[in-house]
Amino acid sequence: MHALDGYSDEHLFTLLQDDNEIAFNTIFGRYSRRLYIEAYSKLQDEDEGNDIVQEVFCWLWDKRRVLDTPQCLKAYLIQVVRNKCVDLIRKKTSTRGKKQQYIWLADTYTTTSPIETKELGRQLAIAIDSITPASRLAFEQLYLHKKSLKEIADQMEINVQSVKNHIHRALKVLRENLKHSLS
């Protein structure tokens, strides 16, 4: 039994704001079980319910000096738990959706045979050969040699915008020449 058990929530909260750990422990003892029940009812998971309660009390301690004294501490803490549960559910839903999207992409990924790869390489070489020399140089420096636009501009003694224009033209020619090969 804590020395502050008989204190009102409002008085405990005032003491909490003055860094009183006994007041914090009293609040924890008074409401942690009720908050766990709330979290568990939303999440249906014991560990996640405990994590949420711990997170709420850590948050309460961290924010104790900036929070206004709530009219009803119990209702306030329950609402914080509900909000944290909603955040967790949203996060899990988002993660689940990303996993499903990855699985779908992995399932739709097709492998190519060595013959297909060789043919595609031949078609790509022909397409690259059809690019003008200046545009081909800019394209190769950017995509094959991983140089920056500034480095390419310095090497070709032109401005960066001209390099961008050369690369744009090169990509346009490649798209046109490979359009039928890749479909």
N, C-alpha and C. Protein backbone atom coordinates (compact mmCIF):
# COMPACT_ATOMS: atom_id res chain seq x y z
N MET A 1 0.83 -1.17 0.00
CA MET A 1 0.00 0.00 0.00
C MET A 1 0.88 1.25 0.00
N HIS A 2 0.58 2.18 -0.91
CA HIS A 2 1.35 3.40 -1.03
C HIS A 2 0.84 4.45 -0.03
N ALA A 3 1.74 5.35 0.33
CA ALA A 3 1.39 6.41 1.28
C ALA A 3 0.36 7.38 0.69
N LEU A 4 0.25 7.39 -0.64
CA LEU A 4 -0.64 8.36 -1.30
C LEU A 4 -1.93 7.74 -1.81
N ASP A 5 -2.24 6.52 -1.41
CA ASP A 5 -3.42 5.82 -1.92
C ASP A 5 -4.72 6.59 -1.70
N GLY A 6 -4.83 7.34 -0.63
CA GLY A 6 -6.07 8.05 -0.33
C GLY A 6 -6.20 9.39 -1.06
N TYR A 7 -5.17 9.79 -1.80
CA TYR A 7 -5.20 11.08 -2.49
C TYR A 7 -6.11 11.01 -3.72
N SER A 8 -6.69 12.15 -4.07
CA SER A 8 -7.52 12.22 -5.27
C SER A 8 -6.62 12.19 -6.51
N ASP A 9 -7.22 11.85 -7.64
CA ASP A 9 -6.47 11.83 -8.91
C ASP A 9 -5.88 13.21 -9.21
N GLU A 10 -6.66 14.23 -8.94
CA GLU A 10 -6.20 15.60 -9.23
C GLU A 10 -4.97 15.93 -8.39
N HIS A 11 -5.01 15.57 -7.10
CA HIS A 11 -3.87 15.84 -6.23
C HIS A 11 -2.66 15.01 -6.65
N LEU A 12 -2.89 13.74 -6.99
CA LEU A 12 -1.79 12.88 -7.46
C LEU A 12 -1.16 13.45 -8.73
N PHE A 13 -1.99 13.95 -9.62
CA PHE A 13 -1.48 14.49 -10.87
C PHE A 13 -0.63 15.74 -10.62
N THR A 14 -1.07 16.55 -9.68
CA THR A 14 -0.29 17.74 -9.31
C THR A 14 1.07 17.33 -8.75
N LEU A 15 1.07 16.33 -7.89
CA LEU A 15 2.33 15.81 -7.35
C LEU A 15 3.21 15.22 -8.46
N LEU A 16 2.57 14.51 -9.39
CA LEU A 16 3.29 13.93 -10.53
C LEU A 16 3.99 15.03 -11.33
N GLN A 17 3.30 16.12 -11.54
CA GLN A 17 3.89 17.23 -12.30
C GLN A 17 5.10 17.83 -11.58
N ASP A 18 5.17 17.62 -10.26
CA ASP A 18 6.33 18.06 -9.48
C ASP A 18 7.37 16.97 -9.32
N ASP A 19 7.32 15.97 -10.22
CA ASP A 19 8.31 14.88 -10.28
C ASP A 19 8.23 13.90 -9.12
N ASN A 20 7.06 13.75 -8.52
CA ASN A 20 6.90 12.85 -7.40
C ASN A 20 6.69 11.42 -7.93
N GLU A 21 7.71 10.57 -7.75
CA GLU A 21 7.65 9.20 -8.24
C GLU A 21 6.63 8.36 -7.47
N ILE A 22 6.42 8.66 -6.22
CA ILE A 22 5.43 7.92 -5.44
C ILE A 22 4.03 8.18 -6.00
N ALA A 23 3.77 9.42 -6.40
CA ALA A 23 2.48 9.75 -7.02
C ALA A 23 2.34 8.98 -8.34
N PHE A 24 3.42 8.92 -9.10
CA PHE A 24 3.40 8.16 -10.36
C PHE A 24 3.10 6.69 -10.09
N ASN A 25 3.78 6.11 -9.12
CA ASN A 25 3.56 4.69 -8.78
C ASN A 25 2.14 4.45 -8.30
N THR A 26 1.59 5.41 -7.58
CA THR A 26 0.21 5.29 -7.09
C THR A 26 -0.77 5.31 -8.27
N ILE A 27 -0.53 6.22 -9.20
CA ILE A 27 -1.39 6.28 -10.41
C ILE A 27 -1.26 4.97 -11.18
N PHE A 28 -0.04 4.50 -11.32
CA PHE A 28 0.20 3.23 -12.03
C PHE A 28 -0.57 2.09 -11.34
N GLY A 29 -0.43 2.00 -10.03
CA GLY A 29 -1.11 0.94 -9.29
C GLY A 29 -2.63 1.04 -9.39
N ARG A 30 -3.11 2.26 -9.45
CA ARG A 30 -4.55 2.49 -9.49
C ARG A 30 -5.15 2.15 -10.86
N TYR A 31 -4.41 2.39 -11.95
CA TYR A 31 -5.03 2.30 -13.28
C TYR A 31 -4.38 1.31 -14.25
N SER A 32 -3.23 0.77 -13.94
CA SER A 32 -2.56 -0.08 -14.94
C SER A 32 -3.40 -1.29 -15.34
N ARG A 33 -4.06 -1.93 -14.39
CA ARG A 33 -4.88 -3.10 -14.71
C ARG A 33 -6.05 -2.73 -15.61
N ARG A 34 -6.72 -1.62 -15.29
CA ARG A 34 -7.86 -1.17 -16.10
C ARG A 34 -7.42 -0.80 -17.52
N LEU A 35 -6.25 -0.16 -17.62
CA LEU A 35 -5.72 0.21 -18.94
C LEU A 35 -5.33 -1.03 -19.75
N TYR A 36 -4.79 -2.04 -19.05
CA TYR A 36 -4.45 -3.29 -19.74
C TYR A 36 -5.72 -3.94 -20.30
N ILE A 37 -6.77 -3.97 -19.51
CA ILE A 37 -8.04 -4.57 -19.97
C ILE A 37 -8.54 -3.84 -21.22
N GLU A 38 -8.43 -2.53 -21.21
CA GLU A 38 -8.85 -1.74 -22.38
C GLU A 38 -8.00 -2.08 -23.60
N ALA A 39 -6.69 -2.11 -23.42
CA ALA A 39 -5.79 -2.41 -24.53
C ALA A 39 -6.01 -3.83 -25.05
N TYR A 40 -6.16 -4.78 -24.13
CA TYR A 40 -6.37 -6.17 -24.54
C TYR A 40 -7.69 -6.32 -25.30
N SER A 41 -8.71 -5.61 -24.86
CA SER A 41 -10.01 -5.73 -25.54
C SER A 41 -9.93 -5.21 -26.98
N LYS A 42 -9.06 -4.25 -27.22
CA LYS A 42 -8.90 -3.70 -28.58
C LYS A 42 -7.97 -4.55 -29.43
N LEU A 43 -6.92 -5.08 -28.83
CA LEU A 43 -5.86 -5.74 -29.61
C LEU A 43 -5.93 -7.27 -29.57
N GLN A 44 -6.58 -7.82 -28.54
CA GLN A 44 -6.68 -9.27 -28.38
C GLN A 44 -5.30 -9.93 -28.35
N ASP A 45 -4.34 -9.26 -27.70
CA ASP A 45 -2.98 -9.79 -27.60
C ASP A 45 -2.39 -9.33 -26.27
N GLU A 46 -1.99 -10.28 -25.42
CA GLU A 46 -1.50 -9.94 -24.09
C GLU A 46 -0.24 -9.09 -24.14
N ASP A 47 0.74 -9.51 -24.96
CA ASP A 47 2.00 -8.78 -25.03
C ASP A 47 1.80 -7.36 -25.54
N GLU A 48 1.00 -7.22 -26.60
CA GLU A 48 0.73 -5.89 -27.15
C GLU A 48 -0.03 -5.04 -26.14
N GLY A 49 -0.95 -5.65 -25.40
CA GLY A 49 -1.68 -4.93 -24.36
C GLY A 49 -0.74 -4.40 -23.29
N ASN A 50 0.16 -5.26 -22.82
CA ASN A 50 1.15 -4.82 -21.83
C ASN A 50 2.07 -3.74 -22.39
N ASP A 51 2.48 -3.90 -23.65
CA ASP A 51 3.34 -2.89 -24.28
C ASP A 51 2.65 -1.53 -24.34
N ILE A 52 1.37 -1.54 -24.69
CA ILE A 52 0.62 -0.29 -24.78
C ILE A 52 0.55 0.38 -23.40
N VAL A 53 0.25 -0.38 -22.37
CA VAL A 53 0.16 0.19 -21.01
C VAL A 53 1.51 0.78 -20.61
N GLN A 54 2.58 0.05 -20.88
CA GLN A 54 3.91 0.55 -20.55
C GLN A 54 4.20 1.83 -21.34
N GLU A 55 3.85 1.83 -22.60
CA GLU A 55 4.06 3.00 -23.44
C GLU A 55 3.28 4.21 -22.92
N VAL A 56 2.04 3.99 -22.49
CA VAL A 56 1.22 5.08 -21.98
C VAL A 56 1.83 5.66 -20.70
N PHE A 57 2.29 4.80 -19.80
CA PHE A 57 2.87 5.32 -18.56
C PHE A 57 4.23 5.98 -18.80
N CYS A 58 5.01 5.49 -19.75
CA CYS A 58 6.25 6.18 -20.12
C CYS A 58 5.93 7.56 -20.69
N TRP A 59 4.93 7.60 -21.55
CA TRP A 59 4.48 8.86 -22.15
C TRP A 59 4.01 9.82 -21.05
N LEU A 60 3.24 9.30 -20.10
CA LEU A 60 2.72 10.14 -19.00
C LEU A 60 3.88 10.74 -18.20
N TRP A 61 4.88 9.93 -17.90
CA TRP A 61 6.02 10.44 -17.14
C TRP A 61 6.79 11.49 -17.96
N ASP A 62 7.00 11.21 -19.25
CA ASP A 62 7.74 12.14 -20.10
C ASP A 62 7.01 13.48 -20.26
N LYS A 63 5.69 13.45 -20.33
CA LYS A 63 4.90 14.65 -20.60
C LYS A 63 4.30 15.28 -19.35
N ARG A 64 4.64 14.78 -18.18
CA ARG A 64 3.98 15.19 -16.93
C ARG A 64 4.00 16.69 -16.71
N ARG A 65 5.06 17.36 -17.11
CA ARG A 65 5.18 18.80 -16.85
C ARG A 65 4.39 19.66 -17.83
N VAL A 66 4.08 19.13 -19.00
CA VAL A 66 3.39 19.95 -20.00
C VAL A 66 1.91 19.64 -20.12
N LEU A 67 1.47 18.56 -19.51
CA LEU A 67 0.05 18.20 -19.58
C LEU A 67 -0.77 19.01 -18.61
N ASP A 68 -1.96 19.39 -19.06
CA ASP A 68 -2.91 20.03 -18.15
C ASP A 68 -3.55 18.94 -17.29
N THR A 69 -3.92 19.31 -16.08
CA THR A 69 -4.57 18.35 -15.19
C THR A 69 -5.91 17.96 -15.80
N PRO A 70 -6.09 16.66 -16.10
CA PRO A 70 -7.36 16.24 -16.70
C PRO A 70 -8.50 16.27 -15.67
N GLN A 71 -9.71 16.46 -16.18
CA GLN A 71 -10.87 16.46 -15.28
C GLN A 71 -11.07 15.08 -14.66
N CYS A 72 -10.87 14.05 -15.47
CA CYS A 72 -11.01 12.68 -14.97
C CYS A 72 -9.81 11.88 -15.47
N LEU A 73 -8.85 11.64 -14.59
CA LEU A 73 -7.60 10.98 -14.97
C LEU A 73 -7.85 9.61 -15.57
N LYS A 74 -8.74 8.84 -15.00
CA LYS A 74 -9.03 7.49 -15.49
C LYS A 74 -9.52 7.54 -16.94
N ALA A 75 -10.50 8.40 -17.23
CA ALA A 75 -11.04 8.52 -18.59
C ALA A 75 -9.97 9.03 -19.55
N TYR A 76 -9.15 9.93 -19.06
CA TYR A 76 -8.09 10.49 -19.88
C TYR A 76 -7.09 9.39 -20.28
N LEU A 77 -6.65 8.60 -19.31
CA LEU A 77 -5.69 7.54 -19.59
C LEU A 77 -6.30 6.46 -20.49
N ILE A 78 -7.57 6.15 -20.29
CA ILE A 78 -8.23 5.17 -21.15
C ILE A 78 -8.26 5.68 -22.59
N GLN A 79 -8.51 6.96 -22.77
CA GLN A 79 -8.52 7.53 -24.12
C GLN A 79 -7.13 7.48 -24.75
N VAL A 80 -6.10 7.73 -23.97
CA VAL A 80 -4.73 7.63 -24.47
C VAL A 80 -4.44 6.19 -24.91
N VAL A 81 -4.88 5.22 -24.12
CA VAL A 81 -4.70 3.81 -24.48
C VAL A 81 -5.42 3.51 -25.79
N ARG A 82 -6.64 3.97 -25.92
CA ARG A 82 -7.41 3.73 -27.15
C ARG A 82 -6.68 4.33 -28.36
N ASN A 83 -6.19 5.53 -28.21
CA ASN A 83 -5.46 6.18 -29.31
C ASN A 83 -4.20 5.39 -29.69
N LYS A 84 -3.47 4.93 -28.68
CA LYS A 84 -2.26 4.14 -28.95
C LYS A 84 -2.62 2.82 -29.63
N CYS A 85 -3.74 2.22 -29.25
CA CYS A 85 -4.19 0.98 -29.89
C CYS A 85 -4.54 1.23 -31.36
N VAL A 86 -5.23 2.32 -31.61
CA VAL A 86 -5.58 2.66 -32.99
C VAL A 86 -4.32 2.87 -33.82
N ASP A 87 -3.34 3.58 -33.25
CA ASP A 87 -2.08 3.79 -33.96
C ASP A 87 -1.40 2.46 -34.29
N LEU A 88 -1.39 1.56 -33.31
CA LEU A 88 -0.76 0.25 -33.54
C LEU A 88 -1.51 -0.55 -34.60
N ILE A 89 -2.83 -0.53 -34.55
CA ILE A 89 -3.63 -1.25 -35.55
C ILE A 89 -3.37 -0.68 -36.94
N ARG A 90 -3.32 0.63 -37.04
CA ARG A 90 -3.02 1.26 -38.34
C ARG A 90 -1.65 0.84 -38.85
N LYS A 91 -0.68 0.85 -37.96
CA LYS A 91 0.68 0.47 -38.35
C LYS A 91 0.73 -0.98 -38.81
N LYS A 92 0.06 -1.86 -38.07
CA LYS A 92 0.03 -3.28 -38.44
C LYS A 92 -0.68 -3.48 -39.77
N THR A 93 -1.77 -2.74 -39.99
CA THR A 93 -2.52 -2.86 -41.24
C THR A 93 -1.66 -2.40 -42.40
N SER A 94 -0.95 -1.30 -42.22
CA SER A 94 -0.07 -0.78 -43.26
C SER A 94 1.04 -1.78 -43.58
N THR A 95 1.63 -2.34 -42.53
CA THR A 95 2.70 -3.32 -42.73
C THR A 95 2.17 -4.57 -43.43
N ARG A 96 0.98 -5.01 -43.02
CA ARG A 96 0.38 -6.19 -43.65
C ARG A 96 0.13 -5.93 -45.14
N GLY A 97 -0.36 -4.73 -45.44
CA GLY A 97 -0.61 -4.39 -46.85
C GLY A 97 0.67 -4.38 -47.66
N LYS A 98 1.74 -3.86 -47.07
CA LYS A 98 3.03 -3.83 -47.78
C LYS A 98 3.55 -5.25 -48.00
N LYS A 99 3.37 -6.11 -46.98
CA LYS A 99 3.81 -7.50 -47.13
C LYS A 99 3.02 -8.19 -48.23
N GLN A 100 1.69 -7.95 -48.26
CA GLN A 100 0.87 -8.57 -49.30
C GLN A 100 1.27 -8.07 -50.68
N GLN A 101 1.58 -6.78 -50.78
CA GLN A 101 2.00 -6.23 -52.07
C GLN A 101 3.33 -6.85 -52.49
N TYR A 102 4.25 -7.03 -51.55
CA TYR A 102 5.53 -7.65 -51.86
C TYR A 102 5.33 -9.09 -52.33
N ILE A 103 4.48 -9.82 -51.62
CA ILE A 103 4.21 -11.21 -52.00
C ILE A 103 3.63 -11.26 -53.40
N TRP A 104 2.69 -10.35 -53.70
CA TRP A 104 2.09 -10.31 -55.03
C TRP A 104 3.15 -10.03 -56.09
N LEU A 105 4.02 -9.06 -55.82
CA LEU A 105 5.08 -8.74 -56.78
C LEU A 105 6.04 -9.91 -56.95
N ALA A 106 6.39 -10.56 -55.84
CA ALA A 106 7.29 -11.71 -55.92
C ALA A 106 6.66 -12.84 -56.73
N ASP A 107 5.35 -13.03 -56.57
CA ASP A 107 4.66 -14.08 -57.32
C ASP A 107 4.56 -13.77 -58.80
N THR A 108 4.47 -12.48 -59.15
CA THR A 108 4.30 -12.11 -60.55
C THR A 108 5.65 -11.93 -61.26
N TYR A 109 6.72 -11.93 -60.50
CA TYR A 109 8.03 -11.79 -61.10
C TYR A 109 8.32 -13.01 -61.96
N THR A 110 8.75 -12.78 -63.17
CA THR A 110 9.06 -13.90 -64.06
C THR A 110 10.55 -13.94 -64.32
N THR A 111 11.08 -15.10 -64.38
CA THR A 111 12.50 -15.24 -64.67
C THR A 111 12.67 -15.39 -66.18
N THR A 112 13.82 -14.99 -66.66
CA THR A 112 14.10 -15.12 -68.08
C THR A 112 15.15 -16.19 -68.30
N SER A 113 15.04 -16.84 -69.42
CA SER A 113 16.01 -17.88 -69.74
C SER A 113 17.27 -17.22 -70.30
N PRO A 114 18.38 -17.93 -70.31
CA PRO A 114 19.61 -17.36 -70.87
C PRO A 114 19.44 -16.90 -72.32
N ILE A 115 18.64 -17.62 -73.10
CA ILE A 115 18.41 -17.24 -74.50
C ILE A 115 17.67 -15.91 -74.57
N GLU A 116 16.65 -15.75 -73.71
CA GLU A 116 15.90 -14.49 -73.67
C GLU A 116 16.81 -13.33 -73.24
N THR A 117 17.66 -13.59 -72.26
CA THR A 117 18.57 -12.57 -71.77
C THR A 117 19.56 -12.17 -72.86
N LYS A 118 20.07 -13.15 -73.59
CA LYS A 118 21.02 -12.87 -74.67
C LYS A 118 20.34 -12.06 -75.77
N GLU A 119 19.11 -12.43 -76.13
CA GLU A 119 18.38 -11.70 -77.17
C GLU A 119 18.08 -10.27 -76.74
N LEU A 120 17.67 -10.10 -75.49
CA LEU A 120 17.39 -8.77 -74.98
C LEU A 120 18.66 -7.92 -74.97
N GLY A 121 19.79 -8.53 -74.58
CA GLY A 121 21.07 -7.82 -74.60
C GLY A 121 21.45 -7.38 -76.01
N ARG A 122 21.19 -8.24 -76.99
CA ARG A 122 21.48 -7.90 -78.39
C ARG A 122 20.61 -6.74 -78.85
N GLN A 123 19.32 -6.79 -78.50
CA GLN A 123 18.41 -5.71 -78.89
C GLN A 123 18.77 -4.40 -78.19
N LEU A 124 19.21 -4.49 -76.95
CA LEU A 124 19.62 -3.30 -76.22
C LEU A 124 20.87 -2.69 -76.86
N ALA A 125 21.82 -3.52 -77.26
CA ALA A 125 23.04 -3.02 -77.91
C ALA A 125 22.70 -2.31 -79.21
N ILE A 126 21.78 -2.87 -79.99
CA ILE A 126 21.36 -2.25 -81.25
C ILE A 126 20.69 -0.90 -80.95
N ALA A 127 19.84 -0.89 -79.93
CA ALA A 127 19.14 0.35 -79.58
C ALA A 127 20.12 1.42 -79.12
N ILE A 128 21.11 1.03 -78.32
CA ILE A 128 22.11 2.00 -77.85
C ILE A 128 22.92 2.53 -79.02
N ASP A 129 23.24 1.67 -79.99
CA ASP A 129 23.99 2.11 -81.16
C ASP A 129 23.23 3.13 -82.00
N SER A 130 21.89 3.13 -81.89
CA SER A 130 21.10 4.07 -82.68
C SER A 130 21.01 5.46 -82.04
N ILE A 131 21.57 5.62 -80.85
CA ILE A 131 21.57 6.92 -80.18
C ILE A 131 22.72 7.75 -80.74
N THR A 132 22.51 9.06 -80.85
CA THR A 132 23.59 9.94 -81.34
C THR A 132 24.79 9.84 -80.40
N PRO A 133 26.00 10.06 -80.93
CA PRO A 133 27.21 9.88 -80.11
C PRO A 133 27.21 10.70 -78.80
N ALA A 134 26.82 11.96 -78.84
CA ALA A 134 26.84 12.79 -77.63
C ALA A 134 25.82 12.28 -76.61
N SER A 135 24.62 11.93 -77.07
CA SER A 135 23.60 11.42 -76.16
C SER A 135 24.01 10.06 -75.61
N ARG A 136 24.62 9.23 -76.44
CA ARG A 136 25.08 7.91 -75.99
C ARG A 136 26.15 8.06 -74.92
N LEU A 137 27.09 8.99 -75.13
CA LEU A 137 28.15 9.22 -74.14
C LEU A 137 27.54 9.64 -72.79
N ALA A 138 26.61 10.58 -72.82
CA ALA A 138 25.97 11.05 -71.58
C ALA A 138 25.22 9.89 -70.90
N PHE A 139 24.48 9.13 -71.69
CA PHE A 139 23.71 7.99 -71.17
C PHE A 139 24.63 6.97 -70.52
N GLU A 140 25.70 6.57 -71.23
CA GLU A 140 26.62 5.56 -70.71
C GLU A 140 27.34 6.04 -69.45
N GLN A 141 27.72 7.31 -69.43
CA GLN A 141 28.40 7.84 -68.24
C GLN A 141 27.48 7.81 -67.03
N LEU A 142 26.20 8.14 -67.23
CA LEU A 142 25.25 8.18 -66.12
C LEU A 142 24.87 6.78 -65.66
N TYR A 143 24.45 5.93 -66.58
CA TYR A 143 23.89 4.63 -66.21
C TYR A 143 24.90 3.50 -66.10
N LEU A 144 25.96 3.54 -66.89
CA LEU A 144 26.94 2.45 -66.84
C LEU A 144 28.11 2.77 -65.91
N HIS A 145 28.53 4.04 -65.92
CA HIS A 145 29.69 4.41 -65.11
C HIS A 145 29.31 5.15 -63.83
N LYS A 146 27.99 5.34 -63.64
CA LYS A 146 27.44 5.92 -62.40
C LYS A 146 28.02 7.30 -62.07
N LYS A 147 28.28 8.10 -63.08
CA LYS A 147 28.78 9.45 -62.84
C LYS A 147 27.61 10.40 -62.60
N SER A 148 27.88 11.48 -61.90
CA SER A 148 26.85 12.48 -61.64
C SER A 148 26.67 13.36 -62.89
N LEU A 149 25.56 14.06 -62.93
CA LEU A 149 25.30 14.95 -64.05
C LEU A 149 26.38 16.02 -64.15
N LYS A 150 26.83 16.51 -63.01
CA LYS A 150 27.88 17.54 -62.97
C LYS A 150 29.19 16.99 -63.53
N GLU A 151 29.54 15.76 -63.15
CA GLU A 151 30.77 15.15 -63.67
C GLU A 151 30.70 14.97 -65.17
N ILE A 152 29.55 14.55 -65.66
CA ILE A 152 29.38 14.35 -67.10
C ILE A 152 29.48 15.69 -67.82
N ALA A 153 28.84 16.71 -67.26
CA ALA A 153 28.89 18.05 -67.87
C ALA A 153 30.32 18.55 -67.95
N ASP A 154 31.09 18.36 -66.88
CA ASP A 154 32.50 18.78 -66.88
C ASP A 154 33.30 18.00 -67.92
N GLN A 155 33.07 16.70 -68.00
CA GLN A 155 33.79 15.85 -68.96
C GLN A 155 33.47 16.24 -70.40
N MET A 156 32.19 16.52 -70.66
CA MET A 156 31.76 16.84 -72.03
C MET A 156 31.89 18.33 -72.34
N GLU A 157 32.26 19.11 -71.32
CA GLU A 157 32.42 20.56 -71.44
C GLU A 157 31.13 21.23 -71.92
N ILE A 158 30.03 20.83 -71.30
CA ILE A 158 28.72 21.43 -71.56
C ILE A 158 28.04 21.67 -70.21
N ASN A 159 26.89 22.34 -70.22
CA ASN A 159 26.21 22.58 -68.94
C ASN A 159 25.35 21.37 -68.56
N VAL A 160 24.90 21.36 -67.31
CA VAL A 160 24.15 20.22 -66.77
C VAL A 160 22.82 20.05 -67.51
N GLN A 161 22.17 21.14 -67.85
CA GLN A 161 20.90 21.04 -68.57
C GLN A 161 21.09 20.35 -69.93
N SER A 162 22.19 20.62 -70.59
CA SER A 162 22.46 19.95 -71.87
C SER A 162 22.65 18.45 -71.66
N VAL A 163 23.31 18.08 -70.56
CA VAL A 163 23.47 16.66 -70.24
C VAL A 163 22.10 16.02 -70.04
N LYS A 164 21.23 16.70 -69.29
CA LYS A 164 19.88 16.19 -69.07
C LYS A 164 19.15 16.01 -70.40
N ASN A 165 19.30 16.97 -71.29
CA ASN A 165 18.65 16.88 -72.60
C ASN A 165 19.18 15.68 -73.40
N HIS A 166 20.50 15.47 -73.37
CA HIS A 166 21.09 14.32 -74.07
C HIS A 166 20.54 13.00 -73.50
N ILE A 167 20.46 12.91 -72.18
CA ILE A 167 19.97 11.68 -71.56
C ILE A 167 18.49 11.48 -71.88
N HIS A 168 17.73 12.57 -71.88
CA HIS A 168 16.30 12.48 -72.24
C HIS A 168 16.14 11.95 -73.67
N ARG A 169 16.94 12.49 -74.59
CA ARG A 169 16.87 12.01 -75.98
C ARG A 169 17.28 10.54 -76.08
N ALA A 170 18.32 10.16 -75.34
CA ALA A 170 18.79 8.77 -75.38
C ALA A 170 17.69 7.83 -74.86
N LEU A 171 17.06 8.20 -73.78
CA LEU A 171 15.99 7.35 -73.23
C LEU A 171 14.80 7.27 -74.18
N LYS A 172 14.51 8.38 -74.85
CA LYS A 172 13.40 8.38 -75.81
C LYS A 172 13.69 7.42 -76.97
N VAL A 173 14.92 7.44 -77.47
CA VAL A 173 15.31 6.53 -78.56
C VAL A 173 15.25 5.08 -78.07
N LEU A 174 15.75 4.82 -76.87
CA LEU A 174 15.72 3.46 -76.34
C LEU A 174 14.28 2.96 -76.17
N ARG A 175 13.41 3.82 -75.65
CA ARG A 175 12.00 3.42 -75.49
C ARG A 175 11.39 3.07 -76.84
N GLU A 176 11.64 3.88 -77.81
CA GLU A 176 11.07 3.63 -79.14
C GLU A 176 11.60 2.32 -79.73
N ASN A 177 12.90 2.10 -79.63
CA ASN A 177 13.52 0.92 -80.23
C ASN A 177 13.20 -0.37 -79.47
N LEU A 178 12.95 -0.26 -78.17
CA LEU A 178 12.70 -1.45 -77.36
C LEU A 178 11.23 -1.67 -77.05
N LYS A 179 10.39 -0.76 -77.49
CA LYS A 179 8.95 -0.84 -77.17
C LYS A 179 8.37 -2.20 -77.53
N HIS A 180 8.65 -2.67 -78.71
CA HIS A 180 8.06 -3.93 -79.17
C HIS A 180 8.78 -5.15 -78.57
N SER A 181 10.04 -4.99 -78.24
CA SER A 181 10.81 -6.10 -77.67
C SER A 181 10.34 -6.46 -76.27
N LEU A 182 9.93 -5.46 -75.51
CA LEU A 182 9.60 -5.68 -74.11
C LEU A 182 8.13 -5.94 -73.88
N SER A 183 7.31 -5.81 -74.87
CA SER A 183 5.88 -6.03 -74.66
C SER A 183 5.46 -7.45 -74.96
